[in-house]
Amino acid sequence: MRVTILGSGTVVADAARVCASCYVEAGDSAHPVRLLLDCGPGATHRMAGLGIDWPSLSHVAITHFHTDHIGDLPYLFFALTYGLAQPRSEPLALFGPAGTMVRLRALADGLGSFMLHPGVRLNVHELGGGHEADLESGIRIRAYRTLHTDESIAYRVETNAGVLGYTGDTGPDPELGRWLRGVHTLVTECSLPDDAAVDRHLTPATVAELARTAAPERLVLTHVYPQLDRRALPSLVAAAGWTGELIVAEDGTSFEV
């Protein structure tokens, strides 16, 4: 499984970082899975800039409906409808929390029917906490309810080679750490300094607590707001009690799971 952080930024505009998005490529060559986890503003252009075959996406999974996590979905669907040199015949699967279809219909009313018919057959699957779905090549995606919005979820992407955890946005939750046990790599938000902690996001201390419980082999931090010094993150997380492998993600950071 190859993972690329497309967007390591936040809702704060940043010339170097687009909003939340992560690309996962896994499976065999006959039935590859090309999965987009969240689709924040700038994600599609970032895929093009990194040489990722965005027209061949097979699955998109969104964690919640905040604009910095789904703002590029209309552009992606518009590009699939009108921007392909050759039409594609393969369907696109969209996973999201409860209420995904309601939002898609509202976007279709405001923007156009391409939000429901993006040039390909769109299969929509709403996942609540505890739900799961099979993708291709024996790959499974599982969802867990997070403490951020009324519907927000985290994901586990499970393959025979390894397991990826992706929190999306979340507040501190010991149960989330237990649910993430067994992941090889955990991609998690780390939004704010400890002295500006809120109950809907993580800080270095609460990230360290999550990592101690989940015990991943690699921790990847993203969604870092400007008031938190990215350069200091490794030492802050280590001081809070987690000293395993840690990557502070930039747009384009890529790794194997």
Protein backbone atom coordinates (compact mmCIF):
# COMPACT_ATOMS: atom_id res chain seq x y z
CA MET A 1 0.00 0.00 0.00
CA ARG A 2 1.42 3.34 -1.10
CA VAL A 3 0.20 6.45 0.71
CA THR A 4 0.70 10.07 -0.34
CA ILE A 5 -0.32 13.08 1.73
CA LEU A 6 -1.86 15.46 -0.81
CA GLY A 7 -2.99 18.15 1.59
CA SER A 8 -1.27 18.69 4.94
CA GLY A 9 -2.85 22.07 5.63
CA THR A 10 -5.92 23.45 7.37
CA VAL A 11 -8.66 25.94 6.62
CA VAL A 12 -5.99 28.68 6.88
CA ALA A 13 -4.81 29.53 3.36
CA ASP A 14 -1.18 28.47 2.84
CA ALA A 15 0.83 28.72 -0.36
CA ALA A 16 2.66 25.47 0.41
CA ARG A 17 -0.16 23.33 1.79
CA VAL A 18 -3.61 22.57 0.45
CA CYS A 19 -6.41 21.25 2.62
CA ALA A 20 -6.92 17.77 4.05
CA SER A 21 -6.52 14.91 1.60
CA CYS A 22 -4.64 11.63 1.43
CA TYR A 23 -4.19 9.28 -1.56
CA VAL A 24 -3.89 5.51 -1.13
CA GLU A 25 -2.96 3.03 -3.85
CA ALA A 26 -3.19 -0.67 -3.07
CA GLY A 27 -4.28 -4.02 -4.46
CA ASP A 28 -3.14 -6.01 -7.47
CA SER A 29 -2.69 -4.66 -10.98
CA ALA A 30 -5.87 -6.34 -12.21
CA HIS A 31 -8.06 -4.75 -9.53
CA PRO A 32 -6.21 -1.75 -8.11
CA VAL A 33 -7.72 0.42 -5.40
CA ARG A 34 -7.06 4.13 -5.89
CA LEU A 35 -8.60 5.70 -2.81
CA LEU A 36 -8.88 9.35 -1.83
CA LEU A 37 -9.32 9.97 1.89
CA ASP A 38 -10.97 13.39 2.19
CA CYS A 39 -11.03 15.85 -0.67
CA GLY A 40 -10.16 19.28 0.68
CA PRO A 41 -9.65 22.33 -1.56
CA GLY A 42 -6.66 21.86 -3.86
CA ALA A 43 -6.59 18.05 -3.70
CA THR A 44 -7.28 17.42 -7.40
CA HIS A 45 -4.66 19.86 -8.65
CA ARG A 46 -2.20 18.45 -6.12
CA MET A 47 -2.77 14.95 -7.55
CA ALA A 48 -2.07 16.29 -11.03
CA GLY A 49 1.07 18.07 -9.81
CA LEU A 50 2.37 14.89 -8.19
CA GLY A 51 1.71 12.79 -11.29
CA ILE A 52 -1.13 10.81 -9.71
CA ASP A 53 -3.67 9.42 -12.15
CA TRP A 54 -6.67 11.28 -10.69
CA PRO A 55 -9.07 10.30 -13.53
CA SER A 56 -8.63 6.67 -12.44
CA LEU A 57 -9.72 7.13 -8.83
CA SER A 58 -11.81 4.14 -7.80
CA HIS A 59 -12.95 5.23 -4.32
CA VAL A 60 -13.36 8.43 -2.31
CA ALA A 61 -13.97 8.38 1.46
CA ILE A 62 -14.80 11.56 3.34
CA THR A 63 -14.65 11.89 7.11
CA HIS A 64 -17.08 14.79 7.63
CA PHE A 65 -18.64 17.75 5.86
CA HIS A 66 -16.41 20.67 6.82
CA THR A 67 -15.28 22.57 3.74
CA ASP A 68 -11.57 21.97 4.34
CA HIS A 69 -12.26 18.23 4.00
CA ILE A 70 -14.75 18.13 1.10
CA GLY A 71 -14.33 21.49 -0.67
CA ASP A 72 -12.67 19.96 -3.76
CA LEU A 73 -15.34 17.29 -4.24
CA PRO A 74 -17.39 19.51 -6.58
CA TYR A 75 -14.29 20.31 -8.61
CA LEU A 76 -13.27 16.63 -8.80
CA PHE A 77 -16.76 15.63 -9.96
CA PHE A 78 -16.87 18.52 -12.45
CA ALA A 79 -13.46 17.48 -13.82
CA LEU A 80 -14.58 13.84 -14.15
CA THR A 81 -17.69 15.02 -16.01
CA TYR A 82 -16.11 17.47 -18.43
CA GLY A 83 -12.33 17.26 -18.15
CA LEU A 84 -11.39 13.78 -19.38
CA ALA A 85 -9.81 13.27 -22.78
CA GLN A 86 -11.33 9.79 -22.85
CA PRO A 87 -14.55 8.95 -20.95
CA ARG A 88 -14.20 6.27 -18.30
CA SER A 89 -16.59 3.39 -17.81
CA GLU A 90 -15.58 2.24 -14.31
CA PRO A 91 -17.89 3.35 -11.49
CA LEU A 92 -16.72 5.56 -8.64
CA ALA A 93 -17.55 4.61 -5.05
CA LEU A 94 -18.07 7.40 -2.54
CA PHE A 95 -18.00 6.59 1.19
CA GLY A 96 -19.08 9.09 3.79
CA PRO A 97 -20.89 9.58 7.08
CA ALA A 98 -24.63 9.52 7.54
CA GLY A 99 -26.10 12.43 5.60
CA THR A 100 -23.78 12.18 2.59
CA MET A 101 -26.65 11.80 0.10
CA VAL A 102 -28.49 14.78 1.61
CA ARG A 103 -25.39 16.94 1.04
CA LEU A 104 -24.86 15.63 -2.49
CA ARG A 105 -28.45 16.44 -3.43
CA ALA A 106 -28.10 19.93 -1.97
CA LEU A 107 -24.88 20.46 -3.92
CA ALA A 108 -26.60 19.19 -7.06
CA ASP A 109 -29.40 21.71 -6.53
CA GLY A 110 -26.89 24.53 -6.16
CA LEU A 111 -24.15 23.54 -8.62
CA GLY A 112 -25.58 21.07 -11.10
CA SER A 113 -26.49 17.46 -11.68
CA PHE A 114 -22.82 16.45 -12.05
CA MET A 115 -22.71 16.17 -8.24
CA LEU A 116 -24.89 13.06 -8.58
CA HIS A 117 -23.73 11.95 -12.06
CA PRO A 118 -20.03 12.87 -12.37
CA GLY A 119 -19.52 11.39 -15.83
CA VAL A 120 -19.41 7.89 -14.30
CA ARG A 121 -21.79 5.78 -12.25
CA LEU A 122 -21.55 7.02 -8.66
CA ASN A 123 -22.16 4.46 -5.92
CA VAL A 124 -22.71 6.16 -2.56
CA HIS A 125 -22.27 4.30 0.73
CA GLU A 126 -23.06 5.94 4.06
CA LEU A 127 -21.01 4.57 6.95
CA GLY A 128 -21.59 5.18 10.63
CA GLY A 129 -19.35 4.08 13.45
CA GLY A 130 -18.85 0.32 13.37
CA HIS A 131 -19.68 -0.03 9.68
CA GLU A 132 -17.31 -1.51 7.12
CA ALA A 133 -17.15 -2.26 3.40
CA ASP A 134 -15.09 -4.37 1.03
CA LEU A 135 -13.29 -2.55 -1.77
CA GLU A 136 -11.25 -4.65 -4.24
CA SER A 137 -8.45 -7.23 -3.95
CA GLY A 138 -9.37 -8.17 -0.38
CA ILE A 139 -9.07 -4.58 0.87
CA ARG A 140 -11.54 -3.44 3.52
CA ILE A 141 -12.42 -0.03 4.92
CA ARG A 142 -13.82 0.35 8.43
CA ALA A 143 -15.36 3.42 10.07
CA TYR A 144 -15.38 4.72 13.64
CA ARG A 145 -17.37 7.62 15.04
CA THR A 146 -15.09 10.48 16.13
CA LEU A 147 -15.54 13.41 18.51
CA HIS A 148 -15.59 16.31 16.08
CA THR A 149 -18.99 16.84 14.42
CA ASP A 150 -22.29 15.03 14.84
CA GLU A 151 -21.43 12.64 12.01
CA SER A 152 -17.61 12.62 11.68
CA ILE A 153 -15.78 9.30 11.28
CA ALA A 154 -12.25 7.91 11.15
CA TYR A 155 -11.13 5.11 8.83
CA ARG A 156 -9.03 1.95 8.88
CA VAL A 157 -7.86 0.75 5.45
CA GLU A 158 -6.97 -2.91 5.84
CA THR A 159 -4.90 -4.93 3.38
CA ASN A 160 -3.01 -8.20 3.65
CA ALA A 161 0.23 -6.20 3.62
CA GLY A 162 -0.63 -3.69 6.33
CA VAL A 163 -3.23 -1.42 7.89
CA LEU A 164 -3.54 2.35 7.59
CA GLY A 165 -5.38 4.46 10.16
CA TYR A 166 -6.75 7.90 9.23
CA THR A 167 -8.44 9.96 11.91
CA GLY A 168 -9.74 12.92 9.96
CA ASP A 169 -10.57 15.56 12.58
CA THR A 170 -11.21 14.32 16.09
CA GLY A 171 -11.12 15.26 19.71
CA PRO A 172 -9.38 13.13 22.35
CA ASP A 173 -10.98 9.71 22.73
CA PRO A 174 -9.35 6.68 24.42
CA GLU A 175 -11.71 4.35 22.57
CA LEU A 176 -10.44 5.65 19.22
CA GLY A 177 -6.92 4.62 20.21
CA ARG A 178 -8.10 1.14 21.10
CA TRP A 179 -10.00 0.88 17.80
CA LEU A 180 -6.82 1.84 15.92
CA ARG A 181 -4.65 -0.85 17.53
CA GLY A 182 -2.92 -2.94 14.90
CA VAL A 183 -2.43 -0.19 12.33
CA HIS A 184 1.02 0.02 10.83
CA THR A 185 0.79 3.75 10.05
CA LEU A 186 -1.51 6.24 11.73
CA VAL A 187 -2.22 9.51 9.91
CA THR A 188 -3.71 11.86 12.45
CA GLU A 189 -4.49 15.52 12.83
CA CYS A 190 -2.50 17.57 15.34
CA SER A 191 -4.17 20.94 15.14
CA LEU A 192 -3.33 23.11 18.12
CA PRO A 193 -0.81 23.75 20.91
CA ASP A 194 -1.51 22.17 24.27
CA ASP A 195 -2.23 25.57 25.82
CA ALA A 196 -4.96 26.17 23.23
CA ALA A 197 -6.61 22.75 23.53
CA VAL A 198 -10.26 22.27 22.55
CA ASP A 199 -12.41 19.16 22.74
CA ARG A 200 -12.82 18.82 18.95
CA HIS A 201 -9.15 18.66 17.88
CA LEU A 202 -5.87 17.10 19.01
CA THR A 203 -2.72 18.65 20.44
CA PRO A 204 0.80 17.18 20.86
CA ALA A 205 -0.14 15.78 24.28
CA THR A 206 -3.39 14.17 23.14
CA VAL A 207 -1.72 12.87 19.97
CA ALA A 208 0.92 11.22 22.15
CA GLU A 209 -1.83 9.67 24.27
CA LEU A 210 -3.60 8.40 21.12
CA ALA A 211 -0.36 6.93 19.79
CA ARG A 212 0.53 5.22 23.07
CA THR A 213 -2.84 3.46 22.98
CA ALA A 214 -2.88 2.63 19.25
CA ALA A 215 0.84 1.72 19.16
CA PRO A 216 1.43 2.23 15.42
CA GLU A 217 4.82 1.57 13.88
CA ARG A 218 4.70 5.03 12.31
CA LEU A 219 2.86 8.22 13.26
CA VAL A 220 2.16 10.86 10.60
CA LEU A 221 0.97 14.27 11.76
CA THR A 222 -1.03 16.60 9.53
CA HIS A 223 -3.68 19.36 9.74
CA VAL A 224 -1.36 21.59 11.79
CA TYR A 225 -2.59 25.15 12.39
CA PRO A 226 -0.07 28.03 12.18
CA GLN A 227 -0.10 28.68 15.94
CA LEU A 228 1.53 25.26 16.46
CA ASP A 229 5.22 25.19 15.51
CA ARG A 230 5.61 22.30 13.05
CA ARG A 231 9.37 22.12 13.68
CA ALA A 232 8.80 21.58 17.40
CA LEU A 233 6.19 18.83 16.97
CA PRO A 234 8.52 15.81 17.26
CA SER A 235 10.00 17.04 20.53
CA LEU A 236 6.59 18.07 21.89
CA VAL A 237 5.06 14.66 21.16
CA ALA A 238 8.13 12.88 22.55
CA ALA A 239 7.99 14.97 25.74
CA ALA A 240 4.34 13.94 26.11
CA GLY A 241 5.33 10.28 26.11
CA TRP A 242 5.45 8.85 22.57
CA THR A 243 8.88 8.37 21.01
CA GLY A 244 8.21 6.10 18.02
CA GLU A 245 8.77 6.99 14.37
CA LEU A 246 7.12 10.31 13.61
CA ILE A 247 6.67 12.23 10.35
CA VAL A 248 5.34 15.77 10.22
CA ALA A 249 3.65 15.66 6.84
CA GLU A 250 4.13 18.11 3.99
CA ASP A 251 2.17 18.06 0.77
CA GLY A 252 3.67 15.24 -1.26
CA THR A 253 4.99 13.21 1.69
CA SER A 254 4.78 9.57 0.59
CA PHE A 255 5.44 6.24 2.29
CA GLU A 256 4.75 2.52 2.11
CA VAL A 257 2.46 0.68 4.53
